[in-house]
Every structure is written in structure tokens, then in C-alpha cells.
Amino acid sequence: MKKIKYSFIIVACGAFASQATAQNLVVKAYGDIGLGNAFSLTTALPGMSSKSSANSFGVDFGYTFWKQGANSLEANIGVGYSATSVSFDVAELSYNYAAPASADVDGNPYQRYTTLNDVNQKINLGYFKIPIYLQYQFRATKWLGVHADLGFGLGFKCSGKEGSTTGIANSYGVYQEYDQLVIKADYLNDFGETYLDEAETGKSEIKGFSASFMAGAGLEFYVAGPVSIDLGIRYNAGLTDVFTGRYDTDKLSEINAESAPVTYTVAEGQQVKALSDYVTKSRLNPFSLHLGINVRF
């Protein structure tokens, strides 16, 4: 009898513990589709604009640490990947410098210049992301829950690829053999027009870390057993610049041949300025549509 009694107590305690922890854990597979421009930015170039997008996917792990009636609080941490692309556009971009008299065959100094028109540069980035957030949920019915999310996200750059650069370059009076310029680019010639569709681009300086404040809200539809579908909106208020501007806005008129933008390979394997060098402030600031599948156990 004692053995049966003890066995009953163990089984009862096990059943109680199982009931107490039922559906306290959740695994959330999701995709965030960026809405609108992923970046807000300030530039040192008049007329410079950009288009950008950021889409993410990953898995979050949650634990419900408080329940009362239809209300609950859940702590979440996850891992994910964000694919971000940026396209910079400038209608016209010029630079010039005064060549000394000794640089010209006729012994006279004059102004050399190059004008770039309809320039576009594309950059693709990849970020490894760690979201950490709290979620409050109100279980409205057996089949529907309403939730609000609040937390932050960390991003670590794992890839940065320069895309294509397109545009038209017009040069006047540039003599490489006399000026001994360090820039080696086909469009730097005496007189001429060159299309930049096959050009190499200057290397952008991209920060390897980003952080953002995250807020969101949505609906959770309980479809079958422990499985539910999550539909909502998230907003990430960026706290960290993504591109690092290196250009002095007070010296915009003093661009010279050695700091020519959007251009190409120079001596000793170095590269000159990319368009992103003229971005003085750039912040990840996206709204996104959140789509997820949750499994609770």
C-alpha cells in the first residue's frame, strides 16, 4: 500500500508541474518585410537622395513568466539576419583643381575639371541580428490574442558589398602625364565623355555594429493546438549611424582631384571616395510588416 501511495504522490506532483509549465515556452519563426525607406540620412551634397530597403528573418525564443486571467508577460530573445540594400543618387557632381603652369605644354596655368552626371551607386549589406524584448498579450478569445512588444535590437555587420556605379563623366583639360595624378581612371582625359557602367567604385566605410529601439503590436491567431500565426507592425528607431561620413561640409568647394568621388582605383591599391563618404548622418529607421509562426509548448 505504501508503494502505491508514494507512486500516486509522484505522479500527481508530476502532473501538477506539467500543468503549471504548460505552454510557457514558445518558438517564433518570422520574417520582417521593410516598409518604405530603411534609412533616414543627411548628406553634404545638394540634391543627393537615396532609396533603401531592409528585410529580416529569424527565430525568437520566449518564456511566459507571468499570467493572470487573459493577460500575460513574455520575455524573448532571438537570432536573425537582415538583408539591407541602399542606392545613392546624385544628379550632378563636379570637382576641379588648378594645375600649375609647369603642368601644361604651353606653360600657362588653368582650371581642370570633371563633371559627373546622373550618378547612381548601389551597396548591399548583411547584418546578424539579436532582438531582445518583452511582449504583453491579452487573450481576447480562444482563437485570438492581441500583443504589444517593447525592447531593442543589436546588429553586427557580416557582409558589405559594393554594387554597381552608373553615370556619365565629362572631363576638361586633365593631363595625367603632365599632372602626375594618382588617380588611374579612363574618364580622366583631356576632353571626353565616359559612361561609368563598368567602373569600380570607391570603398564605402560601413560600421560593423548597429543598435535600435524596437516597438511593435500585432494579432496572434491560434489555428490548431500549439500553433499560431502572428501578424503585426514593428518600428525600429535606429540609434547608430550605419555609414561613416568622412567629408568636411565646410570645405565642399575645395574638392580636388585626389578626393574625387565615385572613383576608382588609385596608386598603391588605395581607393578614393565613394558616394557614401558624403553621408554625414545615416540611421536605420524602418517600419516593417511582421509575419510569424509560433509554436507553444
C-alpha atoms as a PDB file:
ATOM      1  CA  MET A   1       0.000   0.000   0.000  1.00  0.00           C
ATOM      2  CA  LYS A   2       2.810   2.413   0.853  1.00  0.00           C
ATOM      3  CA  LYS A   3       4.438   1.813  -2.542  1.00  0.00           C
ATOM      4  CA  ILE A   4       1.162   2.556  -4.325  1.00  0.00           C
ATOM      5  CA  LYS A   5       0.655   5.658  -2.177  1.00  0.00           C
ATOM      6  CA  TYR A   6       4.135   7.024  -2.926  1.00  0.00           C
ATOM      7  CA  SER A   7       3.724   6.311  -6.644  1.00  0.00           C
ATOM      8  CA  PHE A   8       0.427   8.204  -6.648  1.00  0.00           C
ATOM      9  CA  ILE A   9       2.057  11.227  -4.974  1.00  0.00           C
ATOM     10  CA  ILE A  10       4.922  11.270  -7.525  1.00  0.00           C
ATOM     11  CA  VAL A  11       2.535  11.031 -10.473  1.00  0.00           C
ATOM     12  CA  ALA A  12       0.309  13.750  -9.022  1.00  0.00           C
ATOM     13  CA  CYS A  13       3.257  16.090  -8.464  1.00  0.00           C
ATOM     14  CA  GLY A  14       4.498  15.434 -11.996  1.00  0.00           C
ATOM     15  CA  ALA A  15       1.078  16.173 -13.455  1.00  0.00           C
ATOM     16  CA  PHE A  16       0.815  19.379 -11.429  1.00  0.00           C
ATOM     17  CA  ALA A  17       4.274  20.551 -12.567  1.00  0.00           C
ATOM     18  CA  SER A  18       3.440  19.740 -16.176  1.00  0.00           C
ATOM     19  CA  GLN A  19       0.172  21.695 -15.928  1.00  0.00           C
ATOM     20  CA  ALA A  20       1.944  24.642 -14.274  1.00  0.00           C
ATOM     21  CA  THR A  21       4.501  24.944 -17.100  1.00  0.00           C
ATOM     22  CA  ALA A  22       2.174  24.119 -19.995  1.00  0.00           C
ATOM     23  CA  GLN A  23       2.718  26.476 -22.949  1.00  0.00           C
ATOM     24  CA  ASN A  24       5.128  28.705 -21.037  1.00  0.00           C
ATOM     25  CA  LEU A  25       7.738  28.303 -23.784  1.00  0.00           C
ATOM     26  CA  VAL A  26       7.359  29.481 -27.375  1.00  0.00           C
ATOM     27  CA  VAL A  27       9.448  29.303 -30.558  1.00  0.00           C
ATOM     28  CA  LYS A  28       8.733  32.003 -33.154  1.00  0.00           C
ATOM     29  CA  ALA A  29       9.884  31.786 -36.773  1.00  0.00           C
ATOM     30  CA  TYR A  30       9.323  35.125 -38.519  1.00  0.00           C
ATOM     31  CA  GLY A  31      10.003  37.417 -41.448  1.00  0.00           C
ATOM     32  CA  ASP A  32      10.001  41.231 -41.294  1.00  0.00           C
ATOM     33  CA  ILE A  33       9.277  42.958 -44.603  1.00  0.00           C
ATOM     34  CA  GLY A  34      10.550  46.541 -44.663  1.00  0.00           C
ATOM     35  CA  LEU A  35       8.064  49.297 -45.480  1.00  0.00           C
ATOM     36  CA  GLY A  36       9.280  52.490 -47.125  1.00  0.00           C
ATOM     37  CA  ASN A  37      12.875  53.730 -46.949  1.00  0.00           C
ATOM     38  CA  ALA A  38      15.089  51.860 -44.481  1.00  0.00           C
ATOM     39  CA  PHE A  39      17.377  54.866 -43.957  1.00  0.00           C
ATOM     40  CA  SER A  40      16.977  58.432 -42.887  1.00  0.00           C
ATOM     41  CA  LEU A  41      20.102  60.361 -43.834  1.00  0.00           C
ATOM     42  CA  THR A  42      21.750  63.759 -44.023  1.00  0.00           C
ATOM     43  CA  THR A  43      24.309  64.476 -46.746  1.00  0.00           C
ATOM     44  CA  ALA A  44      26.942  67.054 -47.631  1.00  0.00           C
ATOM     45  CA  LEU A  45      25.892  67.088 -51.291  1.00  0.00           C
ATOM     46  CA  PRO A  46      22.964  69.180 -52.581  1.00  0.00           C
ATOM     47  CA  GLY A  47      20.476  67.085 -54.491  1.00  0.00           C
ATOM     48  CA  MET A  48      21.707  63.745 -53.181  1.00  0.00           C
ATOM     49  CA  SER A  49      18.970  61.212 -52.461  1.00  0.00           C
ATOM     50  CA  SER A  50      18.718  57.521 -51.669  1.00  0.00           C
ATOM     51  CA  LYS A  51      16.407  54.555 -51.825  1.00  0.00           C
ATOM     52  CA  SER A  52      16.860  51.709 -49.371  1.00  0.00           C
ATOM     53  CA  SER A  53      15.204  48.549 -48.114  1.00  0.00           C
ATOM     54  CA  ALA A  54      15.760  46.174 -45.194  1.00  0.00           C
ATOM     55  CA  ASN A  55      14.168  42.726 -44.838  1.00  0.00           C
ATOM     56  CA  SER A  56      14.836  40.347 -41.954  1.00  0.00           C
ATOM     57  CA  PHE A  57      14.087  36.779 -40.953  1.00  0.00           C
ATOM     58  CA  GLY A  58      14.963  34.693 -37.908  1.00  0.00           C
ATOM     59  CA  VAL A  59      13.823  32.756 -34.847  1.00  0.00           C
ATOM     60  CA  ASP A  60      12.873  34.132 -31.402  1.00  0.00           C
ATOM     61  CA  PHE A  61      12.592  32.128 -28.172  1.00  0.00           C
ATOM     62  CA  GLY A  62      10.138  33.258 -25.491  1.00  0.00           C
ATOM     63  CA  TYR A  63       9.220  32.361 -21.922  1.00  0.00           C
ATOM     64  CA  THR A  64       5.962  33.407 -20.235  1.00  0.00           C
ATOM     65  CA  PHE A  65       6.926  34.432 -16.693  1.00  0.00           C
ATOM     66  CA  TRP A  66       3.583  35.952 -15.610  1.00  0.00           C
ATOM     67  CA  LYS A  67      -0.058  35.068 -16.247  1.00  0.00           C
ATOM     68  CA  GLN A  68      -3.259  36.432 -14.775  1.00  0.00           C
ATOM     69  CA  GLY A  69      -6.541  35.643 -16.435  1.00  0.00           C
ATOM     70  CA  ALA A  70      -6.328  36.631 -20.092  1.00  0.00           C
ATOM     71  CA  ASN A  71      -3.159  38.690 -19.532  1.00  0.00           C
ATOM     72  CA  SER A  72       0.438  37.510 -19.786  1.00  0.00           C
ATOM     73  CA  LEU A  73       4.018  38.807 -19.992  1.00  0.00           C
ATOM     74  CA  GLU A  74       6.692  37.092 -22.027  1.00  0.00           C
ATOM     75  CA  ALA A  75      10.483  37.599 -22.279  1.00  0.00           C
ATOM     76  CA  ASN A  76      12.039  36.994 -25.707  1.00  0.00           C
ATOM     77  CA  ILE A  77      15.484  36.723 -27.253  1.00  0.00           C
ATOM     78  CA  GLY A  78      16.313  35.668 -30.785  1.00  0.00           C
ATOM     79  CA  VAL A  79      18.732  35.385 -33.670  1.00  0.00           C
ATOM     80  CA  GLY A  80      18.170  36.652 -37.203  1.00  0.00           C
ATOM     81  CA  TYR A  81      19.613  38.034 -40.405  1.00  0.00           C
ATOM     82  CA  SER A  82      18.869  41.352 -42.085  1.00  0.00           C
ATOM     83  CA  ALA A  83      19.484  41.966 -45.805  1.00  0.00           C
ATOM     84  CA  THR A  84      19.784  45.700 -46.481  1.00  0.00           C
ATOM     85  CA  SER A  85      20.337  47.483 -49.788  1.00  0.00           C
ATOM     86  CA  VAL A  86      21.000  51.171 -50.453  1.00  0.00           C
ATOM     87  CA  SER A  87      21.021  53.112 -53.718  1.00  0.00           C
ATOM     88  CA  PHE A  88      22.533  56.630 -53.721  1.00  0.00           C
ATOM     89  CA  ASP A  89      21.621  59.083 -56.488  1.00  0.00           C
ATOM     90  CA  VAL A  90      23.219  62.422 -57.441  1.00  0.00           C
ATOM     91  CA  ALA A  91      22.080  64.453 -60.474  1.00  0.00           C
ATOM     92  CA  GLU A  92      25.395  66.305 -60.864  1.00  0.00           C
ATOM     93  CA  LEU A  93      28.727  66.208 -59.091  1.00  0.00           C
ATOM     94  CA  SER A  94      31.801  68.254 -60.076  1.00  0.00           C
ATOM     95  CA  TYR A  95      35.328  68.689 -58.843  1.00  0.00           C
ATOM     96  CA  ASN A  96      38.186  70.819 -60.116  1.00  0.00           C
ATOM     97  CA  TYR A  97      41.699  71.921 -59.331  1.00  0.00           C
ATOM     98  CA  ALA A  98      44.162  74.497 -60.621  1.00  0.00           C
ATOM     99  CA  ALA A  99      47.064  72.958 -62.494  1.00  0.00           C
ATOM    100  CA  PRO A 100      50.400  74.776 -62.198  1.00  0.00           C
ATOM    101  CA  ALA A 101      52.000  76.385 -65.255  1.00  0.00           C
ATOM    102  CA  SER A 102      54.669  73.657 -65.349  1.00  0.00           C
ATOM    103  CA  ALA A 103      51.965  71.018 -65.869  1.00  0.00           C
ATOM    104  CA  ASP A 104      50.897  72.278 -69.288  1.00  0.00           C
ATOM    105  CA  VAL A 105      52.653  72.181 -72.630  1.00  0.00           C
ATOM    106  CA  ASP A 106      52.129  75.913 -73.220  1.00  0.00           C
ATOM    107  CA  GLY A 107      53.336  76.924 -69.750  1.00  0.00           C
ATOM    108  CA  ASN A 108      50.046  78.507 -68.659  1.00  0.00           C
ATOM    109  CA  PRO A 109      48.062  77.571 -65.542  1.00  0.00           C
ATOM    110  CA  TYR A 110      44.347  76.863 -65.917  1.00  0.00           C
ATOM    111  CA  GLN A 111      41.478  75.126 -64.226  1.00  0.00           C
ATOM    112  CA  ARG A 112      40.962  71.422 -64.861  1.00  0.00           C
ATOM    113  CA  TYR A 113      37.599  69.866 -64.027  1.00  0.00           C
ATOM    114  CA  THR A 114      35.459  66.746 -64.261  1.00  0.00           C
ATOM    115  CA  THR A 115      31.657  66.688 -64.046  1.00  0.00           C
ATOM    116  CA  LEU A 116      29.691  63.548 -63.215  1.00  0.00           C
ATOM    117  CA  ASN A 117      26.024  63.392 -64.237  1.00  0.00           C
ATOM    118  CA  ASP A 118      23.198  61.069 -63.143  1.00  0.00           C
ATOM    119  CA  VAL A 119      25.438  59.103 -60.809  1.00  0.00           C
ATOM    120  CA  ASN A 120      23.995  56.081 -59.020  1.00  0.00           C
ATOM    121  CA  GLN A 121      25.811  53.782 -56.614  1.00  0.00           C
ATOM    122  CA  LYS A 122      24.406  50.631 -55.018  1.00  0.00           C
ATOM    123  CA  ILE A 123      25.577  48.987 -51.793  1.00  0.00           C
ATOM    124  CA  ASN A 124      24.346  45.737 -50.213  1.00  0.00           C
ATOM    125  CA  LEU A 125      24.738  44.959 -46.508  1.00  0.00           C
ATOM    126  CA  GLY A 126      24.082  41.967 -44.312  1.00  0.00           C
ATOM    127  CA  TYR A 127      23.553  42.126 -40.544  1.00  0.00           C
ATOM    128  CA  PHE A 128      23.431  39.368 -37.930  1.00  0.00           C
ATOM    129  CA  LYS A 129      20.700  40.482 -35.509  1.00  0.00           C
ATOM    130  CA  ILE A 130      19.857  39.773 -31.859  1.00  0.00           C
ATOM    131  CA  PRO A 131      16.412  41.092 -30.783  1.00  0.00           C
ATOM    132  CA  ILE A 132      15.649  41.237 -27.041  1.00  0.00           C
ATOM    133  CA  TYR A 133      12.157  42.312 -25.996  1.00  0.00           C
ATOM    134  CA  LEU A 134       9.162  41.924 -23.696  1.00  0.00           C
ATOM    135  CA  GLN A 135       5.753  41.035 -25.036  1.00  0.00           C
ATOM    136  CA  TYR A 136       2.436  41.751 -23.334  1.00  0.00           C
ATOM    137  CA  GLN A 137      -0.516  39.714 -24.613  1.00  0.00           C
ATOM    138  CA  PHE A 138      -4.229  39.859 -23.980  1.00  0.00           C
ATOM    139  CA  ARG A 139      -6.027  36.657 -24.973  1.00  0.00           C
ATOM    140  CA  ALA A 140      -9.261  38.131 -26.309  1.00  0.00           C
ATOM    141  CA  THR A 141     -10.833  34.807 -27.298  1.00  0.00           C
ATOM    142  CA  LYS A 142      -9.801  31.185 -27.604  1.00  0.00           C
ATOM    143  CA  TRP A 143      -8.638  31.899 -31.138  1.00  0.00           C
ATOM    144  CA  LEU A 144      -7.306  35.447 -30.930  1.00  0.00           C
ATOM    145  CA  GLY A 145      -4.665  37.301 -28.935  1.00  0.00           C
ATOM    146  CA  VAL A 146      -3.557  40.955 -29.055  1.00  0.00           C
ATOM    147  CA  HIS A 147       0.047  41.769 -28.177  1.00  0.00           C
ATOM    148  CA  ALA A 148       2.456  44.693 -27.775  1.00  0.00           C
ATOM    149  CA  ASP A 149       6.258  44.375 -27.992  1.00  0.00           C
ATOM    150  CA  LEU A 150       8.953  46.576 -26.466  1.00  0.00           C
ATOM    151  CA  GLY A 151      12.721  46.071 -26.472  1.00  0.00           C
ATOM    152  CA  PHE A 152      15.855  46.643 -28.528  1.00  0.00           C
ATOM    153  CA  GLY A 153      17.846  45.005 -31.268  1.00  0.00           C
ATOM    154  CA  LEU A 154      21.573  44.614 -31.830  1.00  0.00           C
ATOM    155  CA  GLY A 155      23.040  44.254 -35.318  1.00  0.00           C
ATOM    156  CA  PHE A 156      26.523  43.062 -36.291  1.00  0.00           C
ATOM    157  CA  LYS A 157      27.663  43.549 -39.873  1.00  0.00           C
ATOM    158  CA  CYS A 158      28.546  40.249 -41.519  1.00  0.00           C
ATOM    159  CA  SER A 159      28.830  41.400 -45.136  1.00  0.00           C
ATOM    160  CA  GLY A 160      29.188  44.616 -47.120  1.00  0.00           C
ATOM    161  CA  LYS A 161      29.333  44.522 -50.903  1.00  0.00           C
ATOM    162  CA  GLU A 162      29.796  47.412 -53.284  1.00  0.00           C
ATOM    163  CA  GLY A 163      27.285  47.259 -56.090  1.00  0.00           C
ATOM    164  CA  SER A 164      27.353  48.924 -59.478  1.00  0.00           C
ATOM    165  CA  THR A 165      28.072  52.576 -60.206  1.00  0.00           C
ATOM    166  CA  THR A 166      26.473  54.198 -63.245  1.00  0.00           C
ATOM    167  CA  GLY A 167      26.572  57.697 -64.711  1.00  0.00           C
ATOM    168  CA  ILE A 168      28.307  59.915 -67.271  1.00  0.00           C
ATOM    169  CA  ALA A 169      31.635  61.689 -66.718  1.00  0.00           C
ATOM    170  CA  ASN A 170      32.779  64.743 -68.696  1.00  0.00           C
ATOM    171  CA  SER A 171      36.369  65.935 -68.333  1.00  0.00           C
ATOM    172  CA  TYR A 172      38.188  69.037 -69.478  1.00  0.00           C
ATOM    173  CA  GLY A 173      41.914  69.635 -69.649  1.00  0.00           C
ATOM    174  CA  VAL A 174      43.087  66.772 -67.438  1.00  0.00           C
ATOM    175  CA  TYR A 175      46.561  65.579 -68.459  1.00  0.00           C
ATOM    176  CA  GLN A 176      47.698  62.616 -66.401  1.00  0.00           C
ATOM    177  CA  GLU A 177      51.157  62.583 -67.967  1.00  0.00           C
ATOM    178  CA  TYR A 178      51.788  66.224 -67.010  1.00  0.00           C
ATOM    179  CA  ASP A 179      49.842  66.476 -63.748  1.00  0.00           C
ATOM    180  CA  GLN A 180      51.124  63.150 -62.390  1.00  0.00           C
ATOM    181  CA  LEU A 181      47.747  62.388 -60.850  1.00  0.00           C
ATOM    182  CA  VAL A 182      47.471  59.391 -58.538  1.00  0.00           C
ATOM    183  CA  ILE A 183      44.011  58.545 -59.899  1.00  0.00           C
ATOM    184  CA  LYS A 184      44.081  55.969 -62.678  1.00  0.00           C
ATOM    185  CA  ALA A 185      40.686  56.225 -64.366  1.00  0.00           C
ATOM    186  CA  ASP A 186      39.730  56.170 -68.018  1.00  0.00           C
ATOM    187  CA  TYR A 187      37.432  59.157 -67.728  1.00  0.00           C
ATOM    188  CA  LEU A 188      40.304  61.431 -66.645  1.00  0.00           C
ATOM    189  CA  ASN A 189      41.403  62.546 -70.094  1.00  0.00           C
ATOM    190  CA  ASP A 190      41.964  65.806 -71.948  1.00  0.00           C
ATOM    191  CA  PHE A 191      38.481  66.177 -73.422  1.00  0.00           C
ATOM    192  CA  GLY A 192      35.869  63.472 -73.386  1.00  0.00           C
ATOM    193  CA  GLU A 193      32.736  61.766 -72.190  1.00  0.00           C
ATOM    194  CA  THR A 194      32.782  58.364 -70.478  1.00  0.00           C
ATOM    195  CA  TYR A 195      29.962  56.116 -69.294  1.00  0.00           C
ATOM    196  CA  LEU A 196      30.624  54.684 -65.843  1.00  0.00           C
ATOM    197  CA  ASP A 197      28.632  51.475 -66.146  1.00  0.00           C
ATOM    198  CA  GLU A 198      31.746  49.283 -65.877  1.00  0.00           C
ATOM    199  CA  ALA A 199      33.580  51.369 -63.285  1.00  0.00           C
ATOM    200  CA  GLU A 200      34.955  50.224 -59.971  1.00  0.00           C
ATOM    201  CA  THR A 201      33.626  52.181 -57.018  1.00  0.00           C
ATOM    202  CA  GLY A 202      35.248  53.780 -54.044  1.00  0.00           C
ATOM    203  CA  LYS A 203      35.055  51.642 -50.927  1.00  0.00           C
ATOM    204  CA  SER A 204      32.332  52.750 -48.511  1.00  0.00           C
ATOM    205  CA  GLU A 205      33.089  52.863 -44.815  1.00  0.00           C
ATOM    206  CA  ILE A 206      30.313  50.919 -43.097  1.00  0.00           C
ATOM    207  CA  LYS A 207      30.039  50.499 -39.352  1.00  0.00           C
ATOM    208  CA  GLY A 208      30.079  46.941 -38.095  1.00  0.00           C
ATOM    209  CA  PHE A 209      27.574  47.480 -35.281  1.00  0.00           C
ATOM    210  CA  SER A 210      24.092  48.962 -35.087  1.00  0.00           C
ATOM    211  CA  ALA A 211      21.533  49.256 -32.303  1.00  0.00           C
ATOM    212  CA  SER A 212      17.881  50.176 -32.362  1.00  0.00           C
ATOM    213  CA  PHE A 213      14.923  50.631 -30.050  1.00  0.00           C
ATOM    214  CA  MET A 214      12.141  48.257 -31.093  1.00  0.00           C
ATOM    215  CA  ALA A 215       8.387  48.622 -30.587  1.00  0.00           C
ATOM    216  CA  GLY A 216       5.547  46.706 -32.156  1.00  0.00           C
ATOM    217  CA  ALA A 217       1.975  45.475 -31.957  1.00  0.00           C
ATOM    218  CA  GLY A 218       0.009  42.718 -33.609  1.00  0.00           C
ATOM    219  CA  LEU A 219      -2.543  39.943 -33.604  1.00  0.00           C
ATOM    220  CA  GLU A 220      -1.898  36.277 -32.853  1.00  0.00           C
ATOM    221  CA  PHE A 221      -4.313  33.802 -34.426  1.00  0.00           C
ATOM    222  CA  TYR A 222      -4.421  30.379 -32.733  1.00  0.00           C
ATOM    223  CA  VAL A 223      -5.094  27.994 -35.607  1.00  0.00           C
ATOM    224  CA  ALA A 224      -4.519  24.467 -34.274  1.00  0.00           C
ATOM    225  CA  GLY A 225      -3.188  23.096 -30.987  1.00  0.00           C
ATOM    226  CA  PRO A 226       0.093  24.866 -30.054  1.00  0.00           C
ATOM    227  CA  VAL A 227       0.455  26.536 -33.460  1.00  0.00           C
ATOM    228  CA  SER A 228      -0.478  30.180 -34.065  1.00  0.00           C
ATOM    229  CA  ILE A 229       0.075  32.817 -36.750  1.00  0.00           C
ATOM    230  CA  ASP A 230       1.388  36.272 -35.854  1.00  0.00           C
ATOM    231  CA  LEU A 231       0.635  39.382 -37.918  1.00  0.00           C
ATOM    232  CA  GLY A 232       1.802  42.828 -36.842  1.00  0.00           C
ATOM    233  CA  ILE A 233       3.812  46.007 -37.364  1.00  0.00           C
ATOM    234  CA  ARG A 234       7.251  46.766 -35.928  1.00  0.00           C
ATOM    235  CA  TYR A 235       9.152  50.007 -35.691  1.00  0.00           C
ATOM    236  CA  ASN A 236      12.921  50.205 -35.152  1.00  0.00           C
ATOM    237  CA  ALA A 237      14.217  53.626 -34.133  1.00  0.00           C
ATOM    238  CA  GLY A 238      17.882  53.497 -35.151  1.00  0.00           C
ATOM    239  CA  LEU A 239      20.409  54.684 -32.613  1.00  0.00           C
ATOM    240  CA  THR A 240      23.614  54.103 -34.560  1.00  0.00           C
ATOM    241  CA  ASP A 241      24.927  55.544 -37.821  1.00  0.00           C
ATOM    242  CA  VAL A 242      25.402  52.879 -40.474  1.00  0.00           C
ATOM    243  CA  PHE A 243      27.650  54.828 -42.857  1.00  0.00           C
ATOM    244  CA  THR A 244      30.517  56.867 -41.502  1.00  0.00           C
ATOM    245  CA  GLY A 245      30.865  60.243 -43.215  1.00  0.00           C
ATOM    246  CA  ARG A 246      34.436  61.486 -43.599  1.00  0.00           C
ATOM    247  CA  TYR A 247      33.748  64.656 -45.556  1.00  0.00           C
ATOM    248  CA  ASP A 248      34.066  68.156 -44.161  1.00  0.00           C
ATOM    249  CA  THR A 249      30.867  70.007 -45.125  1.00  0.00           C
ATOM    250  CA  ASP A 250      32.596  73.377 -44.652  1.00  0.00           C
ATOM    251  CA  LYS A 251      35.018  72.605 -47.486  1.00  0.00           C
ATOM    252  CA  LEU A 252      32.581  71.426 -50.132  1.00  0.00           C
ATOM    253  CA  SER A 253      34.050  73.870 -52.685  1.00  0.00           C
ATOM    254  CA  GLU A 254      37.585  72.566 -52.141  1.00  0.00           C
ATOM    255  CA  ILE A 255      37.167  69.119 -53.676  1.00  0.00           C
ATOM    256  CA  ASN A 256      40.322  68.316 -55.600  1.00  0.00           C
ATOM    257  CA  ALA A 257      41.478  65.572 -57.907  1.00  0.00           C
ATOM    258  CA  GLU A 258      42.788  63.395 -55.086  1.00  0.00           C
ATOM    259  CA  SER A 259      39.405  63.298 -53.344  1.00  0.00           C
ATOM    260  CA  ALA A 260      37.248  62.720 -56.411  1.00  0.00           C
ATOM    261  CA  PRO A 261      34.042  60.881 -55.503  1.00  0.00           C
ATOM    262  CA  VAL A 262      32.646  57.668 -57.021  1.00  0.00           C
ATOM    263  CA  THR A 263      36.041  56.923 -58.446  1.00  0.00           C
ATOM    264  CA  TYR A 264      38.122  54.155 -58.975  1.00  0.00           C
ATOM    265  CA  THR A 265      41.460  52.569 -58.190  1.00  0.00           C
ATOM    266  CA  VAL A 266      44.406  54.797 -57.326  1.00  0.00           C
ATOM    267  CA  ALA A 267      48.099  54.217 -56.733  1.00  0.00           C
ATOM    268  CA  GLU A 268      49.222  51.518 -54.293  1.00  0.00           C
ATOM    269  CA  GLY A 269      45.850  49.777 -54.339  1.00  0.00           C
ATOM    270  CA  GLN A 270      44.013  52.504 -52.421  1.00  0.00           C
ATOM    271  CA  GLN A 271      40.601  53.777 -53.447  1.00  0.00           C
ATOM    272  CA  VAL A 272      39.166  57.264 -53.444  1.00  0.00           C
ATOM    273  CA  LYS A 273      35.801  58.465 -52.272  1.00  0.00           C
ATOM    274  CA  ALA A 274      32.505  56.639 -52.627  1.00  0.00           C
ATOM    275  CA  LEU A 275      29.174  58.484 -52.567  1.00  0.00           C
ATOM    276  CA  SER A 276      28.558  57.230 -49.040  1.00  0.00           C
ATOM    277  CA  ASP A 277      31.540  59.341 -47.905  1.00  0.00           C
ATOM    278  CA  TYR A 278      29.258  62.357 -48.342  1.00  0.00           C
ATOM    279  CA  VAL A 279      26.645  60.948 -45.962  1.00  0.00           C
ATOM    280  CA  THR A 280      27.098  62.871 -42.714  1.00  0.00           C
ATOM    281  CA  LYS A 281      24.394  61.003 -40.816  1.00  0.00           C
ATOM    282  CA  SER A 282      22.585  57.750 -41.652  1.00  0.00           C
ATOM    283  CA  ARG A 283      20.244  55.872 -39.373  1.00  0.00           C
ATOM    284  CA  LEU A 284      18.333  52.646 -39.711  1.00  0.00           C
ATOM    285  CA  ASN A 285      14.764  53.742 -39.178  1.00  0.00           C
ATOM    286  CA  PRO A 286      12.382  51.205 -40.716  1.00  0.00           C
ATOM    287  CA  PHE A 287       8.786  50.264 -40.284  1.00  0.00           C
ATOM    288  CA  SER A 288       8.271  46.604 -41.105  1.00  0.00           C
ATOM    289  CA  LEU A 289       5.415  44.180 -41.574  1.00  0.00           C
ATOM    290  CA  HIS A 290       5.915  41.285 -39.156  1.00  0.00           C
ATOM    291  CA  LEU A 291       4.796  37.789 -40.228  1.00  0.00           C
ATOM    292  CA  GLY A 292       5.421  34.804 -37.964  1.00  0.00           C
ATOM    293  CA  ILE A 293       4.528  31.258 -36.999  1.00  0.00           C
ATOM    294  CA  ASN A 294       4.584  30.451 -33.270  1.00  0.00           C
ATOM    295  CA  VAL A 295       4.712  27.059 -31.583  1.00  0.00           C
ATOM    296  CA  ARG A 296       3.950  26.942 -27.846  1.00  0.00           C
ATOM    297  CA  PHE A 297       4.754  24.023 -25.586  1.00  0.00           C
END
